[in-house]
Protein backbone atom coordinates (compact mmCIF):
# COMPACT_ATOMS: atom_id res chain seq x y z
CA UNK A 1 55.80 98.71 100.27
CA UNK A 2 55.00 98.50 103.68
CA UNK A 3 53.09 95.20 103.76
CA UNK A 4 56.72 93.85 102.95
CA UNK A 5 57.98 97.11 105.52
CA UNK A 6 55.64 95.21 107.99
CA UNK A 7 57.27 91.74 107.66
CA UNK A 8 60.45 93.35 108.22
CA UNK A 9 62.17 92.61 104.71
CA UNK A 10 64.43 96.49 104.19
CA UNK A 11 66.91 97.41 101.52
CA UNK A 12 67.22 95.00 98.79
CA UNK A 13 64.69 92.75 100.08
CA UNK A 14 62.17 95.17 99.46
CA UNK A 15 62.79 96.24 96.35
CA UNK A 16 62.72 93.16 95.47
CA UNK A 17 59.03 92.69 97.02
CA UNK A 18 58.23 95.24 95.35
CA UNK A 19 59.19 94.15 92.15
CA UNK A 20 57.24 91.25 92.36
CA UNK A 21 53.31 93.05 93.26
CA UNK A 22 54.47 95.60 90.15
CA UNK A 23 57.02 94.92 88.02
CA UNK A 24 56.61 97.64 85.71
CA UNK A 25 58.49 100.52 89.32
CA UNK A 26 59.99 102.73 88.20
CA UNK A 27 62.61 104.28 90.54
CA UNK A 28 60.40 107.34 90.55
CA UNK A 29 56.50 105.62 91.07
CA UNK A 30 58.77 103.77 93.30
CA UNK A 31 59.68 107.26 95.70
CA UNK A 32 56.44 108.51 95.10
CA UNK A 33 54.78 105.46 97.14
CA UNK A 34 57.66 105.67 99.49
CA UNK A 35 56.51 109.14 99.64
CA UNK A 36 52.41 108.56 100.06
CA UNK A 37 53.59 105.59 102.91
CA UNK A 38 55.33 108.25 104.69
CA UNK A 39 52.67 110.07 104.93
CA UNK A 40 50.00 107.41 105.75
CA UNK A 41 48.56 108.82 110.22
CA UNK A 42 48.70 104.91 110.59
CA UNK A 43 52.44 104.24 109.95
CA UNK A 44 53.47 105.23 113.83
CA UNK A 45 55.94 101.94 113.63
CA UNK A 46 59.24 104.39 113.01
CA UNK A 47 61.09 100.97 111.90
CA UNK A 48 58.49 101.48 109.20
CA UNK A 49 59.33 104.48 107.90
CA UNK A 50 62.74 104.73 108.25
CA UNK A 51 63.03 101.35 106.42
CA UNK A 52 60.73 102.95 103.89
CA UNK A 53 62.67 106.05 103.76
CA UNK A 54 66.12 104.24 103.58
CA UNK A 55 64.08 102.47 100.57
CA UNK A 56 63.18 106.25 98.77
CA UNK A 57 66.88 107.65 99.07
CA UNK A 58 68.28 104.81 97.84
CA UNK A 59 66.56 104.80 94.91
CA UNK A 60 66.01 108.64 94.58
CA UNK A 61 68.90 109.03 92.17
CA UNK A 62 68.38 105.73 90.21
CA UNK A 63 69.15 105.92 86.39
CA UNK A 64 65.93 105.66 84.05
CA UNK A 65 66.46 102.71 83.24
CA UNK A 66 65.79 102.11 79.35
CA UNK A 67 63.85 98.82 79.18
CA UNK A 68 61.57 100.80 81.60
CA UNK A 69 57.76 101.34 79.42
CA UNK A 70 56.94 104.87 79.21
CA UNK A 71 53.83 106.00 81.15
CA UNK A 72 52.27 109.12 81.23
CA UNK A 73 51.48 109.88 84.35
CA UNK A 74 54.82 110.04 85.01
CA UNK A 75 54.44 113.51 83.92
CA UNK A 76 52.09 114.23 85.57
CA UNK A 77 51.44 117.15 87.62
CA UNK A 78 48.87 119.31 89.87
CA UNK A 79 50.43 122.16 89.72
CA UNK A 80 49.80 123.77 93.13
CA UNK A 81 47.25 126.17 94.28
CA UNK A 82 48.93 129.27 94.79
CA UNK A 83 50.99 128.54 90.74
CA UNK A 84 47.67 128.43 88.82
CA UNK A 85 46.71 132.09 90.50
CA UNK A 86 49.93 133.58 89.20
CA UNK A 87 49.33 131.81 86.13
CA UNK A 88 45.33 133.32 85.95
CA UNK A 89 46.68 136.78 86.65
CA UNK A 90 49.91 136.94 84.02
CA UNK A 91 47.28 135.28 81.86
CA UNK A 92 45.08 138.35 82.24
CA UNK A 93 47.93 140.65 82.13
CA UNK A 94 49.49 139.88 78.84
CA UNK A 95 46.00 139.74 77.44
CA UNK A 96 45.09 142.82 78.50
CA UNK A 97 48.97 144.18 77.22
CA UNK A 98 47.66 143.13 73.74
CA UNK A 99 44.70 144.60 73.26
CA UNK A 100 46.14 147.97 74.28
CA UNK A 101 48.59 146.92 71.40
CA UNK A 102 45.96 146.38 69.38
CA UNK A 103 44.02 149.59 70.03
CA UNK A 104 47.54 151.43 69.94
CA UNK A 105 47.91 150.12 66.47
CA UNK A 106 43.82 150.93 65.54
CA UNK A 107 44.47 154.40 66.40
CA UNK A 108 47.66 155.48 64.37
């Protein structure tokens, strides 16, 4: 993507360039790649960044291609650290409540 944008490609030409190199690219992967490229500190050319941003926006709401192969990586995500901590706390609370309920039932 960055190479194509650096060569002056944009819009449909850049998308075709990407599809030639990655035939199984989905809209989701394209947008994810664009966002990673936008956060790259080595890319400082405003025109390249604008081109990548425009491509990501254009393909953000593309319909899912029914012929595209399913990729488990598309469904994978990392939870934010704060979400992991909250989830851990909730599990501890539920476990404590279950233990208290079990103790209450045994004492009755």
